[in-house]
């Protein structure tokens, strides 16, 4: 017998993946490149919030409310990054390869 939650997850993933599979390769590649660039931006922003949170944690003059806010922001950013990465994974799966995307300074 299948777990209801796991079948719901599979049903939700199929439409997203199948919608990307109906796109042509040039559209998918453009989406993948855009998604990779967005993922890189999210990582940099997430790291900045994490570093601020760890610096604030080491500073005894920072209030617990500020620490909690930073922690909540970091957790929210991680959820957003996870969702974006999952969508990017579906795009790359449909494309069939990971396109080369130069670093921002290398363009």
C-alpha atoms as a PDB file:
ATOM      1  CA  UNK A   1       0.000   0.000   0.000  1.00  0.00           C
ATOM      2  CA  UNK A   2       1.344   3.426  -0.983  1.00  0.00           C
ATOM      3  CA  UNK A   3       1.725   6.279   1.445  1.00  0.00           C
ATOM      4  CA  UNK A   4      -0.775   9.006   0.533  1.00  0.00           C
ATOM      5  CA  UNK A   5       1.745  11.792   1.048  1.00  0.00           C
ATOM      6  CA  UNK A   6       4.364  10.241  -1.221  1.00  0.00           C
ATOM      7  CA  UNK A   7       1.855   9.722  -4.040  1.00  0.00           C
ATOM      8  CA  UNK A   8       0.727  13.333  -3.732  1.00  0.00           C
ATOM      9  CA  UNK A   9       4.330  14.468  -4.006  1.00  0.00           C
ATOM     10  CA  UNK A  10       4.850  12.337  -7.118  1.00  0.00           C
ATOM     11  CA  UNK A  11       1.623  13.625  -8.685  1.00  0.00           C
ATOM     12  CA  UNK A  12       2.692  17.210  -8.045  1.00  0.00           C
ATOM     13  CA  UNK A  13       6.129  16.675  -9.569  1.00  0.00           C
ATOM     14  CA  UNK A  14       4.859  15.047 -12.766  1.00  0.00           C
ATOM     15  CA  UNK A  15       2.919  18.041 -14.132  1.00  0.00           C
ATOM     16  CA  UNK A  16       5.852  20.413 -13.555  1.00  0.00           C
ATOM     17  CA  UNK A  17       8.318  18.084 -15.229  1.00  0.00           C
ATOM     18  CA  UNK A  18       5.950  17.287 -18.085  1.00  0.00           C
ATOM     19  CA  UNK A  19       5.255  20.977 -18.740  1.00  0.00           C
ATOM     20  CA  UNK A  20       8.982  21.524 -19.242  1.00  0.00           C
ATOM     21  CA  UNK A  21       9.251  18.452 -21.478  1.00  0.00           C
ATOM     22  CA  UNK A  22       6.820  20.006 -23.932  1.00  0.00           C
ATOM     23  CA  UNK A  23       9.114  23.022 -24.459  1.00  0.00           C
ATOM     24  CA  UNK A  24      11.741  23.120 -27.184  1.00  0.00           C
ATOM     25  CA  UNK A  25      15.443  22.874 -26.328  1.00  0.00           C
ATOM     26  CA  UNK A  26      16.266  26.549 -26.905  1.00  0.00           C
ATOM     27  CA  UNK A  27      13.535  27.643 -24.474  1.00  0.00           C
ATOM     28  CA  UNK A  28      14.653  25.069 -21.922  1.00  0.00           C
ATOM     29  CA  UNK A  29      18.275  26.110 -22.237  1.00  0.00           C
ATOM     30  CA  UNK A  30      17.361  29.774 -21.721  1.00  0.00           C
ATOM     31  CA  UNK A  31      15.293  28.810 -18.645  1.00  0.00           C
ATOM     32  CA  UNK A  32      18.135  26.666 -17.302  1.00  0.00           C
ATOM     33  CA  UNK A  33      20.702  29.446 -17.749  1.00  0.00           C
ATOM     34  CA  UNK A  34      18.389  31.938 -16.066  1.00  0.00           C
ATOM     35  CA  UNK A  35      17.719  29.461 -13.252  1.00  0.00           C
ATOM     36  CA  UNK A  36      21.415  28.778 -12.710  1.00  0.00           C
ATOM     37  CA  UNK A  37      22.146  32.506 -12.519  1.00  0.00           C
ATOM     38  CA  UNK A  38      19.269  32.988 -10.065  1.00  0.00           C
ATOM     39  CA  UNK A  39      20.546  30.077  -7.981  1.00  0.00           C
ATOM     40  CA  UNK A  40      23.979  31.673  -7.817  1.00  0.00           C
ATOM     41  CA  UNK A  41      22.452  35.001  -6.703  1.00  0.00           C
ATOM     42  CA  UNK A  42      20.395  33.249  -4.029  1.00  0.00           C
ATOM     43  CA  UNK A  43      23.468  31.451  -2.697  1.00  0.00           C
ATOM     44  CA  UNK A  44      25.410  34.716  -2.380  1.00  0.00           C
ATOM     45  CA  UNK A  45      22.491  36.450  -0.637  1.00  0.00           C
ATOM     46  CA  UNK A  46      21.911  33.449   1.660  1.00  0.00           C
ATOM     47  CA  UNK A  47      25.577  33.399   2.631  1.00  0.00           C
ATOM     48  CA  UNK A  48      25.481  37.113   3.472  1.00  0.00           C
ATOM     49  CA  UNK A  49      22.483  36.626   5.776  1.00  0.00           C
ATOM     50  CA  UNK A  50      24.115  33.568   7.370  1.00  0.00           C
ATOM     51  CA  UNK A  51      27.352  35.475   7.990  1.00  0.00           C
ATOM     52  CA  UNK A  52      25.428  38.369   9.532  1.00  0.00           C
ATOM     53  CA  UNK A  53      23.503  35.936  11.723  1.00  0.00           C
ATOM     54  CA  UNK A  54      26.704  34.223  12.935  1.00  0.00           C
ATOM     55  CA  UNK A  55      28.409  37.584  13.578  1.00  0.00           C
ATOM     56  CA  UNK A  56      25.377  38.791  15.521  1.00  0.00           C
ATOM     57  CA  UNK A  57      25.293  35.530  17.490  1.00  0.00           C
ATOM     58  CA  UNK A  58      28.845  36.149  18.669  1.00  0.00           C
ATOM     59  CA  UNK A  59      28.041  39.722  19.734  1.00  0.00           C
ATOM     60  CA  UNK A  60      26.515  39.828  23.212  1.00  0.00           C
ATOM     61  CA  UNK A  61      25.141  43.333  22.600  1.00  0.00           C
ATOM     62  CA  UNK A  62      22.766  42.060  19.883  1.00  0.00           C
ATOM     63  CA  UNK A  63      19.259  41.455  21.172  1.00  0.00           C
ATOM     64  CA  UNK A  64      17.615  38.050  21.006  1.00  0.00           C
ATOM     65  CA  UNK A  65      14.850  39.590  18.865  1.00  0.00           C
ATOM     66  CA  UNK A  66      17.402  40.603  16.220  1.00  0.00           C
ATOM     67  CA  UNK A  67      18.989  37.143  16.343  1.00  0.00           C
ATOM     68  CA  UNK A  68      15.600  35.506  15.956  1.00  0.00           C
ATOM     69  CA  UNK A  69      14.762  37.743  12.990  1.00  0.00           C
ATOM     70  CA  UNK A  70      18.046  36.866  11.279  1.00  0.00           C
ATOM     71  CA  UNK A  71      17.492  33.171  11.948  1.00  0.00           C
ATOM     72  CA  UNK A  72      13.969  33.326  10.532  1.00  0.00           C
ATOM     73  CA  UNK A  73      15.153  35.204   7.457  1.00  0.00           C
ATOM     74  CA  UNK A  74      17.886  32.653   6.850  1.00  0.00           C
ATOM     75  CA  UNK A  75      15.414  29.757   7.211  1.00  0.00           C
ATOM     76  CA  UNK A  76      12.968  31.446   4.811  1.00  0.00           C
ATOM     77  CA  UNK A  77      15.765  31.991   2.288  1.00  0.00           C
ATOM     78  CA  UNK A  78      16.742  28.334   2.545  1.00  0.00           C
ATOM     79  CA  UNK A  79      13.167  27.281   1.748  1.00  0.00           C
ATOM     80  CA  UNK A  80      13.078  29.632  -1.243  1.00  0.00           C
ATOM     81  CA  UNK A  81      16.429  28.314  -2.470  1.00  0.00           C
ATOM     82  CA  UNK A  82      15.243  24.731  -2.084  1.00  0.00           C
ATOM     83  CA  UNK A  83      12.098  25.392  -4.142  1.00  0.00           C
ATOM     84  CA  UNK A  84      14.088  27.208  -6.826  1.00  0.00           C
ATOM     85  CA  UNK A  85      16.638  24.397  -6.957  1.00  0.00           C
ATOM     86  CA  UNK A  86      13.888  21.789  -7.334  1.00  0.00           C
ATOM     87  CA  UNK A  87      12.355  23.694 -10.255  1.00  0.00           C
ATOM     88  CA  UNK A  88      15.793  24.092 -11.826  1.00  0.00           C
ATOM     89  CA  UNK A  89      16.323  20.349 -11.455  1.00  0.00           C
ATOM     90  CA  UNK A  90      13.108  19.673 -13.420  1.00  0.00           C
ATOM     91  CA  UNK A  91      14.237  22.074 -16.152  1.00  0.00           C
ATOM     92  CA  UNK A  92      17.674  20.452 -16.413  1.00  0.00           C
ATOM     93  CA  UNK A  93      16.121  16.965 -16.425  1.00  0.00           C
ATOM     94  CA  UNK A  94      13.878  17.982 -19.329  1.00  0.00           C
ATOM     95  CA  UNK A  95      16.801  19.630 -21.138  1.00  0.00           C
ATOM     96  CA  UNK A  96      19.004  16.584 -20.670  1.00  0.00           C
ATOM     97  CA  UNK A  97      22.208  18.408 -19.806  1.00  0.00           C
ATOM     98  CA  UNK A  98      23.548  21.267 -17.701  1.00  0.00           C
ATOM     99  CA  UNK A  99      24.386  24.226 -19.938  1.00  0.00           C
ATOM    100  CA  UNK A 100      27.627  26.071 -19.409  1.00  0.00           C
ATOM    101  CA  UNK A 101      26.982  29.369 -17.681  1.00  0.00           C
ATOM    102  CA  UNK A 102      29.944  31.688 -17.249  1.00  0.00           C
ATOM    103  CA  UNK A 103      30.389  33.460 -13.945  1.00  0.00           C
ATOM    104  CA  UNK A 104      29.021  37.002 -14.003  1.00  0.00           C
ATOM    105  CA  UNK A 105      32.479  38.560 -14.417  1.00  0.00           C
ATOM    106  CA  UNK A 106      33.371  36.189 -17.282  1.00  0.00           C
ATOM    107  CA  UNK A 107      30.630  37.243 -19.710  1.00  0.00           C
END
